[in-house]
Amino acid sequence: MTVLDLGCGWGSFAQYAAENYGAEVTGLTISKDQVELGNQRCTGLPAELQFQDYRSVSGTYDRVVSIGLLEHVGYKNYGEYMDVVKRSLKDDGIGFIHCIGNSNSSSSSTNAWTNKYIFPNSMLPSLSQISRAMEGQFVLEDLHNIGEHYDPTLMAWYRNFEAAWPELREKYGDRFYRMWRFYLLSSAGGFRGRNIQLWQIVFTKRGRPQPECRFS
């Protein structure tokens, strides 16, 4: 199976899919550091990370996925994002989006602190914005909100961070400690308060039979 990973990050998904399922994965990112480390992690596997903007991709794939990319596309580009997925997906293929979402539609970036220190120019899409971009191009096959699970995930990251901090303090300093602690805990609070969600969306091109996409 050939898989296109849009906004592949450090290559964790590419590595996992190649190691465990033998998938041939092409990952795209605009970070040279991510390409370098990701390709090191995927050495000997049928997976390759490329330094490339997702909008310039060519070829067609059995699966097109993005994990944490749509939060950085911007509402003006949701339609173009779907165009890219459509031309990259084989007619019998399956698309998948994993993204943090906003319960309300917005045309502004996330809160000022996160925008400045963590995710510059990030924007959380709403379901209506995503569905409008998909309209006429795809059939939404499955939508799963796993936001409740992100709260304990963030708290686990926080506990690991606190436990490791004595070894990290000299390298990163107290300013980073305060910033990262605030980010992890405030994000956990956002999910715990149900202000933000975490969606997994499965979709296909029109005409394809519905895939088996929900196992629990």
N, C-alpha and C. Protein backbone atom coordinates (compact mmCIF):
# COMPACT_ATOMS: atom_id res chain seq x y z
N MET A 1 0.83 -1.19 0.00
CA MET A 1 0.00 0.00 0.00
C MET A 1 0.88 1.25 0.00
N THR A 2 0.55 2.19 -0.84
CA THR A 2 1.28 3.45 -0.87
C THR A 2 0.52 4.50 -0.07
N VAL A 3 1.26 5.24 0.75
CA VAL A 3 0.65 6.21 1.65
C VAL A 3 1.37 7.54 1.52
N LEU A 4 0.59 8.60 1.39
CA LEU A 4 1.12 9.97 1.38
C LEU A 4 0.80 10.60 2.73
N ASP A 5 1.84 11.03 3.43
CA ASP A 5 1.70 11.65 4.74
C ASP A 5 1.98 13.14 4.61
N LEU A 6 0.92 13.94 4.60
CA LEU A 6 1.05 15.38 4.43
C LEU A 6 1.38 16.03 5.77
N GLY A 7 2.50 16.75 5.82
CA GLY A 7 2.92 17.34 7.09
C GLY A 7 3.37 16.26 8.05
N CYS A 8 4.40 15.52 7.66
CA CYS A 8 4.76 14.26 8.32
C CYS A 8 5.49 14.44 9.64
N GLY A 9 5.82 15.66 10.03
CA GLY A 9 6.53 15.85 11.29
C GLY A 9 7.87 15.14 11.30
N TRP A 10 8.16 14.49 12.42
CA TRP A 10 9.45 13.83 12.61
C TRP A 10 9.45 12.39 12.11
N GLY A 11 8.39 11.99 11.39
CA GLY A 11 8.38 10.69 10.74
C GLY A 11 7.86 9.54 11.58
N SER A 12 7.21 9.83 12.70
CA SER A 12 6.74 8.76 13.58
C SER A 12 5.71 7.86 12.88
N PHE A 13 4.73 8.49 12.21
CA PHE A 13 3.72 7.68 11.52
C PHE A 13 4.35 6.90 10.37
N ALA A 14 5.20 7.54 9.59
CA ALA A 14 5.84 6.86 8.46
C ALA A 14 6.62 5.64 8.95
N GLN A 15 7.36 5.81 10.01
CA GLN A 15 8.14 4.71 10.57
C GLN A 15 7.22 3.59 11.04
N TYR A 16 6.17 3.94 11.76
CA TYR A 16 5.26 2.93 12.31
C TYR A 16 4.55 2.15 11.21
N ALA A 17 4.04 2.88 10.22
CA ALA A 17 3.30 2.21 9.13
C ALA A 17 4.22 1.30 8.32
N ALA A 18 5.45 1.73 8.10
CA ALA A 18 6.40 0.92 7.33
C ALA A 18 6.85 -0.30 8.12
N GLU A 19 7.16 -0.12 9.41
CA GLU A 19 7.64 -1.22 10.24
C GLU A 19 6.57 -2.28 10.47
N ASN A 20 5.36 -1.84 10.75
CA ASN A 20 4.32 -2.76 11.20
C ASN A 20 3.42 -3.28 10.08
N TYR A 21 3.34 -2.54 8.97
CA TYR A 21 2.42 -2.94 7.90
C TYR A 21 3.07 -3.01 6.53
N GLY A 22 4.35 -2.69 6.43
CA GLY A 22 5.04 -2.75 5.16
C GLY A 22 4.57 -1.71 4.16
N ALA A 23 3.93 -0.65 4.65
CA ALA A 23 3.45 0.40 3.76
C ALA A 23 4.62 1.19 3.18
N GLU A 24 4.45 1.63 1.94
CA GLU A 24 5.43 2.50 1.30
C GLU A 24 4.97 3.94 1.52
N VAL A 25 5.66 4.65 2.39
CA VAL A 25 5.20 5.96 2.85
C VAL A 25 6.08 7.07 2.31
N THR A 26 5.42 8.09 1.77
CA THR A 26 6.09 9.32 1.36
C THR A 26 5.60 10.43 2.28
N GLY A 27 6.51 11.03 3.04
CA GLY A 27 6.14 12.09 3.96
C GLY A 27 6.65 13.43 3.48
N LEU A 28 5.84 14.47 3.62
CA LEU A 28 6.22 15.81 3.18
C LEU A 28 6.23 16.77 4.37
N THR A 29 7.27 17.58 4.45
CA THR A 29 7.38 18.59 5.49
C THR A 29 8.22 19.75 4.97
N ILE A 30 8.04 20.92 5.56
CA ILE A 30 8.85 22.08 5.17
C ILE A 30 9.90 22.38 6.23
N SER A 31 10.24 21.35 7.02
CA SER A 31 11.31 21.46 8.01
C SER A 31 12.47 20.56 7.61
N LYS A 32 13.62 21.15 7.36
CA LYS A 32 14.79 20.35 7.00
C LYS A 32 15.24 19.47 8.15
N ASP A 33 15.09 19.96 9.37
CA ASP A 33 15.46 19.15 10.53
C ASP A 33 14.58 17.91 10.64
N GLN A 34 13.29 18.06 10.35
CA GLN A 34 12.40 16.91 10.39
C GLN A 34 12.75 15.90 9.31
N VAL A 35 13.10 16.37 8.13
CA VAL A 35 13.51 15.47 7.06
C VAL A 35 14.75 14.67 7.47
N GLU A 36 15.73 15.36 8.04
CA GLU A 36 16.98 14.70 8.41
C GLU A 36 16.74 13.63 9.48
N LEU A 37 16.09 13.99 10.56
CA LEU A 37 15.87 13.04 11.64
C LEU A 37 14.89 11.95 11.22
N GLY A 38 13.82 12.32 10.51
CA GLY A 38 12.84 11.34 10.09
C GLY A 38 13.43 10.27 9.18
N ASN A 39 14.27 10.69 8.26
CA ASN A 39 14.90 9.71 7.37
C ASN A 39 15.90 8.82 8.11
N GLN A 40 16.53 9.34 9.14
CA GLN A 40 17.39 8.50 9.98
C GLN A 40 16.56 7.42 10.66
N ARG A 41 15.39 7.81 11.16
CA ARG A 41 14.53 6.87 11.86
C ARG A 41 13.98 5.80 10.90
N CYS A 42 13.84 6.17 9.64
CA CYS A 42 13.25 5.26 8.66
C CYS A 42 14.29 4.51 7.84
N THR A 43 15.53 4.57 8.25
CA THR A 43 16.59 3.87 7.52
C THR A 43 16.26 2.38 7.38
N GLY A 44 16.34 1.88 6.15
CA GLY A 44 16.06 0.48 5.88
C GLY A 44 14.59 0.16 5.72
N LEU A 45 13.74 1.15 5.83
CA LEU A 45 12.30 0.95 5.70
C LEU A 45 11.80 1.57 4.38
N PRO A 46 10.66 1.10 3.87
CA PRO A 46 10.10 1.69 2.65
C PRO A 46 9.38 3.00 2.93
N ALA A 47 10.10 3.92 3.54
CA ALA A 47 9.52 5.22 3.89
C ALA A 47 10.56 6.31 3.67
N GLU A 48 10.13 7.43 3.13
CA GLU A 48 11.04 8.54 2.85
C GLU A 48 10.35 9.87 3.14
N LEU A 49 11.04 10.74 3.87
CA LEU A 49 10.55 12.09 4.11
C LEU A 49 11.21 13.03 3.11
N GLN A 50 10.42 13.97 2.60
CA GLN A 50 10.91 14.91 1.60
C GLN A 50 10.66 16.35 2.04
N PHE A 51 11.61 17.20 1.74
CA PHE A 51 11.48 18.63 2.03
C PHE A 51 10.66 19.27 0.91
N GLN A 52 9.36 19.40 1.15
CA GLN A 52 8.47 19.82 0.07
C GLN A 52 7.16 20.35 0.65
N ASP A 53 6.66 21.43 0.08
CA ASP A 53 5.34 21.95 0.43
C ASP A 53 4.28 20.97 -0.06
N TYR A 54 3.30 20.68 0.79
CA TYR A 54 2.30 19.67 0.44
C TYR A 54 1.53 20.04 -0.82
N ARG A 55 1.45 21.31 -1.14
CA ARG A 55 0.64 21.75 -2.28
C ARG A 55 1.30 21.43 -3.62
N SER A 56 2.58 21.08 -3.59
CA SER A 56 3.28 20.78 -4.85
C SER A 56 3.47 19.29 -5.07
N VAL A 57 2.76 18.47 -4.33
CA VAL A 57 2.92 17.02 -4.45
C VAL A 57 2.38 16.53 -5.79
N SER A 58 2.96 15.46 -6.29
CA SER A 58 2.49 14.82 -7.51
C SER A 58 2.34 13.33 -7.27
N GLY A 59 1.66 12.65 -8.20
CA GLY A 59 1.44 11.21 -8.06
C GLY A 59 0.15 10.92 -7.33
N THR A 60 -0.23 9.62 -7.33
CA THR A 60 -1.44 9.18 -6.64
C THR A 60 -1.10 8.05 -5.68
N TYR A 61 -1.91 7.94 -4.63
CA TYR A 61 -1.60 7.03 -3.53
C TYR A 61 -2.87 6.29 -3.09
N ASP A 62 -2.65 5.12 -2.46
CA ASP A 62 -3.77 4.34 -1.92
C ASP A 62 -4.40 5.04 -0.72
N ARG A 63 -3.59 5.72 0.06
CA ARG A 63 -4.06 6.43 1.23
C ARG A 63 -3.39 7.80 1.28
N VAL A 64 -4.15 8.81 1.70
CA VAL A 64 -3.59 10.14 1.95
C VAL A 64 -3.99 10.52 3.37
N VAL A 65 -3.01 10.78 4.22
CA VAL A 65 -3.28 11.11 5.62
C VAL A 65 -2.61 12.43 5.98
N SER A 66 -3.18 13.10 6.95
CA SER A 66 -2.50 14.24 7.58
C SER A 66 -2.82 14.19 9.07
N ILE A 67 -1.77 14.27 9.86
CA ILE A 67 -1.88 14.18 11.31
C ILE A 67 -1.31 15.47 11.89
N GLY A 68 -2.19 16.38 12.25
CA GLY A 68 -1.74 17.64 12.83
C GLY A 68 -1.32 18.69 11.82
N LEU A 69 -1.73 18.55 10.57
CA LEU A 69 -1.40 19.55 9.56
C LEU A 69 -2.50 20.59 9.40
N LEU A 70 -3.76 20.18 9.46
CA LEU A 70 -4.85 21.09 9.12
C LEU A 70 -4.91 22.28 10.07
N GLU A 71 -4.35 22.14 11.26
CA GLU A 71 -4.31 23.26 12.21
C GLU A 71 -3.38 24.38 11.73
N HIS A 72 -2.58 24.11 10.71
CA HIS A 72 -1.59 25.09 10.24
C HIS A 72 -1.84 25.52 8.80
N VAL A 73 -2.98 25.14 8.24
CA VAL A 73 -3.29 25.46 6.84
C VAL A 73 -3.94 26.83 6.72
N GLY A 74 -4.83 27.16 7.63
CA GLY A 74 -5.54 28.44 7.56
C GLY A 74 -6.84 28.32 6.79
N TYR A 75 -7.87 29.02 7.25
CA TYR A 75 -9.20 28.85 6.68
C TYR A 75 -9.27 29.21 5.20
N LYS A 76 -8.42 30.11 4.74
CA LYS A 76 -8.43 30.49 3.32
C LYS A 76 -7.92 29.36 2.43
N ASN A 77 -7.24 28.38 3.02
CA ASN A 77 -6.60 27.33 2.24
C ASN A 77 -7.23 25.95 2.42
N TYR A 78 -8.34 25.85 3.15
CA TYR A 78 -8.97 24.54 3.35
C TYR A 78 -9.41 23.93 2.02
N GLY A 79 -9.95 24.76 1.14
CA GLY A 79 -10.39 24.26 -0.17
C GLY A 79 -9.23 23.73 -0.98
N GLU A 80 -8.10 24.46 -0.98
CA GLU A 80 -6.93 24.00 -1.73
C GLU A 80 -6.37 22.72 -1.12
N TYR A 81 -6.41 22.63 0.20
CA TYR A 81 -5.97 21.40 0.85
C TYR A 81 -6.76 20.20 0.34
N MET A 82 -8.08 20.34 0.27
CA MET A 82 -8.92 19.24 -0.22
C MET A 82 -8.66 18.95 -1.69
N ASP A 83 -8.37 19.98 -2.47
CA ASP A 83 -8.01 19.76 -3.88
C ASP A 83 -6.76 18.91 -4.00
N VAL A 84 -5.76 19.19 -3.14
CA VAL A 84 -4.52 18.43 -3.16
C VAL A 84 -4.79 16.97 -2.80
N VAL A 85 -5.60 16.76 -1.76
CA VAL A 85 -5.91 15.39 -1.35
C VAL A 85 -6.64 14.65 -2.47
N LYS A 86 -7.59 15.32 -3.12
CA LYS A 86 -8.37 14.67 -4.16
C LYS A 86 -7.51 14.24 -5.34
N ARG A 87 -6.60 15.10 -5.78
CA ARG A 87 -5.78 14.73 -6.93
C ARG A 87 -4.72 13.71 -6.56
N SER A 88 -4.39 13.60 -5.26
CA SER A 88 -3.36 12.66 -4.82
C SER A 88 -3.91 11.30 -4.45
N LEU A 89 -5.23 11.20 -4.31
CA LEU A 89 -5.86 9.97 -3.84
C LEU A 89 -6.39 9.17 -5.02
N LYS A 90 -6.05 7.88 -5.04
CA LYS A 90 -6.61 7.01 -6.07
C LYS A 90 -8.12 6.92 -5.92
N ASP A 91 -8.81 6.58 -7.01
CA ASP A 91 -10.27 6.58 -6.99
C ASP A 91 -10.84 5.65 -5.93
N ASP A 92 -10.14 4.55 -5.63
CA ASP A 92 -10.62 3.62 -4.62
C ASP A 92 -9.88 3.81 -3.29
N GLY A 93 -9.19 4.92 -3.14
CA GLY A 93 -8.39 5.17 -1.94
C GLY A 93 -9.21 5.71 -0.78
N ILE A 94 -8.52 5.93 0.33
CA ILE A 94 -9.15 6.44 1.55
C ILE A 94 -8.31 7.60 2.08
N GLY A 95 -8.99 8.68 2.44
CA GLY A 95 -8.33 9.83 3.06
C GLY A 95 -8.57 9.85 4.55
N PHE A 96 -7.64 10.42 5.28
CA PHE A 96 -7.75 10.47 6.74
C PHE A 96 -7.17 11.77 7.26
N ILE A 97 -7.93 12.45 8.13
CA ILE A 97 -7.48 13.68 8.78
C ILE A 97 -7.57 13.49 10.29
N HIS A 98 -6.49 13.81 10.97
CA HIS A 98 -6.45 13.84 12.43
C HIS A 98 -6.09 15.28 12.81
N CYS A 99 -6.98 15.97 13.51
CA CYS A 99 -6.69 17.37 13.82
C CYS A 99 -7.42 17.82 15.07
N ILE A 100 -6.81 18.77 15.75
CA ILE A 100 -7.49 19.48 16.83
C ILE A 100 -8.48 20.45 16.21
N GLY A 101 -9.68 20.51 16.77
CA GLY A 101 -10.72 21.32 16.17
C GLY A 101 -11.36 22.29 17.14
N ASN A 102 -11.93 23.32 16.56
CA ASN A 102 -12.64 24.36 17.30
C ASN A 102 -14.13 24.11 17.21
N SER A 103 -14.84 24.23 18.30
CA SER A 103 -16.28 24.05 18.27
C SER A 103 -16.98 25.18 17.53
N ASN A 104 -16.30 26.30 17.33
CA ASN A 104 -16.86 27.45 16.63
C ASN A 104 -15.98 27.83 15.45
N SER A 105 -16.60 28.27 14.37
CA SER A 105 -15.85 28.72 13.20
C SER A 105 -15.17 30.05 13.50
N SER A 106 -13.94 30.19 13.02
CA SER A 106 -13.18 31.41 13.26
C SER A 106 -12.30 31.70 12.06
N SER A 107 -12.03 32.96 11.85
CA SER A 107 -11.10 33.37 10.79
C SER A 107 -9.85 34.01 11.38
N SER A 108 -9.63 33.81 12.68
CA SER A 108 -8.45 34.36 13.34
C SER A 108 -7.61 33.22 13.90
N SER A 109 -6.36 33.51 14.18
CA SER A 109 -5.46 32.50 14.69
C SER A 109 -5.81 32.15 16.13
N THR A 110 -5.13 31.16 16.66
CA THR A 110 -5.37 30.73 18.03
C THR A 110 -4.98 31.83 19.01
N ASN A 111 -5.12 31.59 20.30
CA ASN A 111 -4.87 32.64 21.30
C ASN A 111 -3.47 33.22 21.15
N ALA A 112 -3.32 34.47 21.56
CA ALA A 112 -2.10 35.23 21.29
C ALA A 112 -0.86 34.58 21.88
N TRP A 113 -0.97 33.98 23.07
CA TRP A 113 0.20 33.38 23.71
C TRP A 113 0.69 32.16 22.92
N THR A 114 -0.24 31.27 22.58
CA THR A 114 0.13 30.09 21.80
C THR A 114 0.66 30.49 20.43
N ASN A 115 0.05 31.50 19.84
CA ASN A 115 0.48 31.97 18.52
C ASN A 115 1.91 32.49 18.57
N LYS A 116 2.29 33.13 19.66
CA LYS A 116 3.63 33.73 19.76
C LYS A 116 4.69 32.70 20.13
N TYR A 117 4.38 31.81 21.07
CA TYR A 117 5.43 30.97 21.64
C TYR A 117 5.44 29.51 21.17
N ILE A 118 4.30 28.99 20.71
CA ILE A 118 4.22 27.56 20.42
C ILE A 118 3.95 27.28 18.95
N PHE A 119 2.81 27.74 18.45
CA PHE A 119 2.40 27.45 17.08
C PHE A 119 2.08 28.75 16.34
N PRO A 120 3.08 29.42 15.77
CA PRO A 120 2.82 30.67 15.04
C PRO A 120 1.85 30.45 13.88
N ASN A 121 0.88 31.36 13.78
CA ASN A 121 -0.10 31.37 12.68
C ASN A 121 -1.01 30.14 12.67
N SER A 122 -1.11 29.43 13.79
CA SER A 122 -1.98 28.26 13.82
C SER A 122 -3.45 28.69 13.91
N MET A 123 -4.33 27.82 13.44
CA MET A 123 -5.76 28.11 13.42
C MET A 123 -6.51 26.78 13.50
N LEU A 124 -7.41 26.66 14.46
CA LEU A 124 -8.15 25.42 14.63
C LEU A 124 -9.41 25.46 13.78
N PRO A 125 -9.58 24.49 12.88
CA PRO A 125 -10.76 24.49 12.01
C PRO A 125 -11.99 24.00 12.76
N SER A 126 -13.15 24.44 12.31
CA SER A 126 -14.40 23.91 12.82
C SER A 126 -14.89 22.81 11.88
N LEU A 127 -15.85 22.04 12.34
CA LEU A 127 -16.40 20.99 11.49
C LEU A 127 -17.09 21.58 10.27
N SER A 128 -17.76 22.70 10.45
CA SER A 128 -18.45 23.30 9.31
C SER A 128 -17.46 23.79 8.26
N GLN A 129 -16.31 24.31 8.69
CA GLN A 129 -15.30 24.75 7.73
C GLN A 129 -14.71 23.56 6.98
N ILE A 130 -14.47 22.47 7.70
CA ILE A 130 -13.94 21.27 7.05
C ILE A 130 -14.95 20.69 6.07
N SER A 131 -16.21 20.59 6.50
CA SER A 131 -17.23 19.98 5.64
C SER A 131 -17.50 20.82 4.41
N ARG A 132 -17.44 22.15 4.54
CA ARG A 132 -17.63 23.01 3.36
C ARG A 132 -16.52 22.77 2.35
N ALA A 133 -15.29 22.59 2.83
CA ALA A 133 -14.16 22.35 1.93
C ALA A 133 -14.27 20.98 1.27
N MET A 134 -14.89 20.01 1.96
CA MET A 134 -15.05 18.66 1.42
C MET A 134 -16.23 18.55 0.47
N GLU A 135 -17.19 19.46 0.60
CA GLU A 135 -18.44 19.34 -0.13
C GLU A 135 -18.22 19.27 -1.63
N GLY A 136 -18.87 18.29 -2.26
CA GLY A 136 -18.76 18.12 -3.70
C GLY A 136 -17.55 17.33 -4.13
N GLN A 137 -16.65 17.03 -3.19
CA GLN A 137 -15.43 16.30 -3.54
C GLN A 137 -15.33 14.93 -2.87
N PHE A 138 -15.81 14.84 -1.63
CA PHE A 138 -15.61 13.61 -0.87
C PHE A 138 -16.90 13.19 -0.16
N VAL A 139 -16.94 11.92 0.20
CA VAL A 139 -17.98 11.37 1.07
C VAL A 139 -17.36 11.18 2.45
N LEU A 140 -17.94 11.79 3.47
CA LEU A 140 -17.45 11.61 4.83
C LEU A 140 -17.94 10.25 5.33
N GLU A 141 -17.00 9.36 5.60
CA GLU A 141 -17.35 7.99 5.97
C GLU A 141 -17.42 7.79 7.48
N ASP A 142 -16.59 8.51 8.22
CA ASP A 142 -16.57 8.31 9.66
C ASP A 142 -15.96 9.54 10.34
N LEU A 143 -16.55 9.92 11.46
CA LEU A 143 -16.06 11.04 12.25
C LEU A 143 -16.04 10.62 13.70
N HIS A 144 -14.87 10.72 14.31
CA HIS A 144 -14.70 10.25 15.68
C HIS A 144 -14.04 11.36 16.49
N ASN A 145 -14.65 11.75 17.61
CA ASN A 145 -14.09 12.76 18.50
C ASN A 145 -13.39 12.06 19.65
N ILE A 146 -12.07 12.16 19.71
CA ILE A 146 -11.32 11.53 20.80
C ILE A 146 -10.70 12.59 21.71
N GLY A 147 -11.32 13.76 21.75
CA GLY A 147 -10.78 14.85 22.56
C GLY A 147 -10.64 14.52 24.03
N GLU A 148 -11.55 13.71 24.57
CA GLU A 148 -11.48 13.37 25.99
C GLU A 148 -10.20 12.61 26.33
N HIS A 149 -9.62 11.93 25.34
CA HIS A 149 -8.40 11.18 25.59
C HIS A 149 -7.15 12.05 25.54
N TYR A 150 -7.27 13.25 25.00
CA TYR A 150 -6.09 14.11 24.89
C TYR A 150 -5.74 14.76 26.22
N ASP A 151 -6.73 14.93 27.10
CA ASP A 151 -6.46 15.45 28.44
C ASP A 151 -5.48 14.55 29.19
N PRO A 152 -5.77 13.26 29.38
CA PRO A 152 -4.80 12.40 30.08
C PRO A 152 -3.49 12.23 29.32
N THR A 153 -3.54 12.34 27.99
CA THR A 153 -2.30 12.26 27.21
C THR A 153 -1.39 13.44 27.55
N LEU A 154 -1.95 14.64 27.56
CA LEU A 154 -1.17 15.82 27.90
C LEU A 154 -0.65 15.76 29.34
N MET A 155 -1.46 15.23 30.24
CA MET A 155 -1.02 15.11 31.63
C MET A 155 0.11 14.10 31.77
N ALA A 156 0.09 13.05 30.93
CA ALA A 156 1.20 12.10 30.93
C ALA A 156 2.47 12.76 30.42
N TRP A 157 2.33 13.57 29.36
CA TRP A 157 3.49 14.32 28.86
C TRP A 157 4.03 15.25 29.95
N TYR A 158 3.12 15.89 30.67
CA TYR A 158 3.53 16.82 31.73
C TYR A 158 4.30 16.09 32.83
N ARG A 159 3.80 14.93 33.26
CA ARG A 159 4.50 14.17 34.30
C ARG A 159 5.88 13.72 33.83
N ASN A 160 5.96 13.29 32.58
CA ASN A 160 7.27 12.90 32.03
C ASN A 160 8.23 14.08 31.97
N PHE A 161 7.68 15.24 31.59
CA PHE A 161 8.49 16.47 31.51
C PHE A 161 9.02 16.85 32.88
N GLU A 162 8.15 16.80 33.90
CA GLU A 162 8.57 17.14 35.26
C GLU A 162 9.64 16.17 35.75
N ALA A 163 9.45 14.89 35.46
CA ALA A 163 10.41 13.89 35.92
C ALA A 163 11.77 14.05 35.26
N ALA A 164 11.76 14.49 34.02
CA ALA A 164 13.02 14.62 33.27
C ALA A 164 13.67 15.99 33.45
N TRP A 165 12.95 16.94 34.06
CA TRP A 165 13.44 18.30 34.09
C TRP A 165 14.81 18.46 34.77
N PRO A 166 15.11 17.77 35.86
CA PRO A 166 16.44 17.94 36.45
C PRO A 166 17.58 17.71 35.47
N GLU A 167 17.39 16.81 34.51
CA GLU A 167 18.43 16.56 33.50
C GLU A 167 18.39 17.59 32.38
N LEU A 168 17.24 18.26 32.21
CA LEU A 168 17.07 19.19 31.09
C LEU A 168 17.32 20.64 31.48
N ARG A 169 17.30 20.93 32.79
CA ARG A 169 17.33 22.32 33.25
C ARG A 169 18.52 23.11 32.70
N GLU A 170 19.70 22.53 32.77
CA GLU A 170 20.89 23.26 32.36
C GLU A 170 20.85 23.61 30.87
N LYS A 171 20.27 22.72 30.07
CA LYS A 171 20.23 22.94 28.62
C LYS A 171 19.17 23.97 28.23
N TYR A 172 17.99 23.92 28.88
CA TYR A 172 16.86 24.72 28.40
C TYR A 172 16.54 25.92 29.28
N GLY A 173 16.82 25.88 30.55
CA GLY A 173 16.62 27.03 31.42
C GLY A 173 15.20 27.17 31.94
N ASP A 174 15.06 27.99 32.98
CA ASP A 174 13.78 28.12 33.68
C ASP A 174 12.71 28.81 32.84
N ARG A 175 13.10 29.67 31.94
CA ARG A 175 12.10 30.33 31.10
C ARG A 175 11.36 29.31 30.25
N PHE A 176 12.10 28.37 29.65
CA PHE A 176 11.46 27.31 28.87
C PHE A 176 10.59 26.44 29.75
N TYR A 177 11.06 26.16 30.96
CA TYR A 177 10.27 25.33 31.89
C TYR A 177 8.91 25.96 32.14
N ARG A 178 8.88 27.26 32.46
CA ARG A 178 7.61 27.92 32.73
C ARG A 178 6.71 27.92 31.49
N MET A 179 7.30 28.16 30.33
CA MET A 179 6.53 28.22 29.09
C MET A 179 5.93 26.85 28.76
N TRP A 180 6.75 25.80 28.82
CA TRP A 180 6.26 24.47 28.40
C TRP A 180 5.27 23.91 29.42
N ARG A 181 5.50 24.18 30.69
CA ARG A 181 4.56 23.75 31.73
C ARG A 181 3.21 24.40 31.52
N PHE A 182 3.21 25.69 31.26
CA PHE A 182 1.95 26.41 31.03
C PHE A 182 1.25 25.86 29.79
N TYR A 183 2.00 25.60 28.74
CA TYR A 183 1.40 25.08 27.51
C TYR A 183 0.74 23.73 27.74
N LEU A 184 1.43 22.79 28.35
CA LEU A 184 0.88 21.45 28.56
C LEU A 184 -0.36 21.49 29.44
N LEU A 185 -0.29 22.24 30.54
CA LEU A 185 -1.42 22.26 31.47
C LEU A 185 -2.61 23.03 30.92
N SER A 186 -2.37 24.14 30.24
CA SER A 186 -3.49 24.90 29.67
C SER A 186 -4.14 24.12 28.53
N SER A 187 -3.36 23.39 27.76
CA SER A 187 -3.93 22.57 26.69
C SER A 187 -4.79 21.45 27.28
N ALA A 188 -4.29 20.82 28.34
CA ALA A 188 -5.09 19.79 29.00
C ALA A 188 -6.40 20.38 29.51
N GLY A 189 -6.34 21.60 30.05
CA GLY A 189 -7.55 22.26 30.51
C GLY A 189 -8.53 22.54 29.40
N GLY A 190 -8.02 22.88 28.22
CA GLY A 190 -8.89 23.14 27.08
C GLY A 190 -9.67 21.90 26.67
N PHE A 191 -9.00 20.75 26.68
CA PHE A 191 -9.70 19.51 26.33
C PHE A 191 -10.61 19.06 27.47
N ARG A 192 -10.15 19.23 28.70
CA ARG A 192 -10.97 18.82 29.83
C ARG A 192 -12.25 19.64 29.91
N GLY A 193 -12.17 20.91 29.54
CA GLY A 193 -13.34 21.77 29.55
C GLY A 193 -14.19 21.65 28.30
N ARG A 194 -13.80 20.78 27.37
CA ARG A 194 -14.52 20.53 26.11
C ARG A 194 -14.58 21.77 25.22
N ASN A 195 -13.61 22.66 25.39
CA ASN A 195 -13.56 23.85 24.54
C ASN A 195 -12.94 23.55 23.18
N ILE A 196 -12.05 22.59 23.15
CA ILE A 196 -11.44 22.16 21.89
C ILE A 196 -11.59 20.65 21.80
N GLN A 197 -11.58 20.15 20.56
CA GLN A 197 -11.83 18.74 20.30
C GLN A 197 -10.65 18.14 19.53
N LEU A 198 -10.66 16.83 19.42
CA LEU A 198 -9.67 16.15 18.58
C LEU A 198 -10.43 15.18 17.68
N TRP A 199 -10.43 15.49 16.40
CA TRP A 199 -11.22 14.73 15.44
C TRP A 199 -10.36 13.82 14.59
N GLN A 200 -10.92 12.64 14.28
CA GLN A 200 -10.36 11.75 13.27
C GLN A 200 -11.44 11.54 12.21
N ILE A 201 -11.13 11.92 10.99
CA ILE A 201 -12.11 11.94 9.90
C ILE A 201 -11.64 11.02 8.78
N VAL A 202 -12.50 10.09 8.40
CA VAL A 202 -12.23 9.19 7.28
C VAL A 202 -13.16 9.57 6.13
N PHE A 203 -12.61 9.66 4.93
CA PHE A 203 -13.42 10.07 3.78
C PHE A 203 -12.91 9.41 2.51
N THR A 204 -13.78 9.36 1.52
CA THR A 204 -13.44 8.72 0.24
C THR A 204 -13.97 9.57 -0.90
N LYS A 205 -13.55 9.22 -2.11
CA LYS A 205 -14.13 9.83 -3.29
C LYS A 205 -15.50 9.23 -3.55
N ARG A 206 -16.32 9.95 -4.26
CA ARG A 206 -17.65 9.46 -4.58
C ARG A 206 -17.56 8.22 -5.46
N GLY A 207 -18.48 7.27 -5.22
CA GLY A 207 -18.55 6.08 -6.04
C GLY A 207 -17.88 4.86 -5.43
N ARG A 208 -17.07 5.09 -4.41
CA ARG A 208 -16.37 3.97 -3.78
C ARG A 208 -17.27 3.37 -2.70
N PRO A 209 -17.31 2.03 -2.54
CA PRO A 209 -18.07 1.43 -1.44
C PRO A 209 -17.49 1.91 -0.09
N GLN A 210 -18.33 1.97 0.90
CA GLN A 210 -17.88 2.41 2.21
C GLN A 210 -16.86 1.44 2.78
N PRO A 211 -15.69 1.94 3.22
CA PRO A 211 -14.68 1.06 3.80
C PRO A 211 -15.02 0.70 5.23
N GLU A 212 -14.39 -0.35 5.73
CA GLU A 212 -14.54 -0.70 7.13
C GLU A 212 -13.60 0.19 7.93
N CYS A 213 -14.14 1.25 8.49
CA CYS A 213 -13.28 2.28 9.07
C CYS A 213 -13.51 2.50 10.56
N ARG A 214 -14.40 1.76 11.19
CA ARG A 214 -14.60 1.89 12.64
C ARG A 214 -14.54 0.51 13.26
N PHE A 215 -13.59 0.31 14.17
CA PHE A 215 -13.41 -1.01 14.79
C PHE A 215 -13.80 -1.00 16.25
N SER A 216 -14.17 0.14 16.80
CA SER A 216 -14.56 0.20 18.21
C SER A 216 -15.59 1.30 18.40
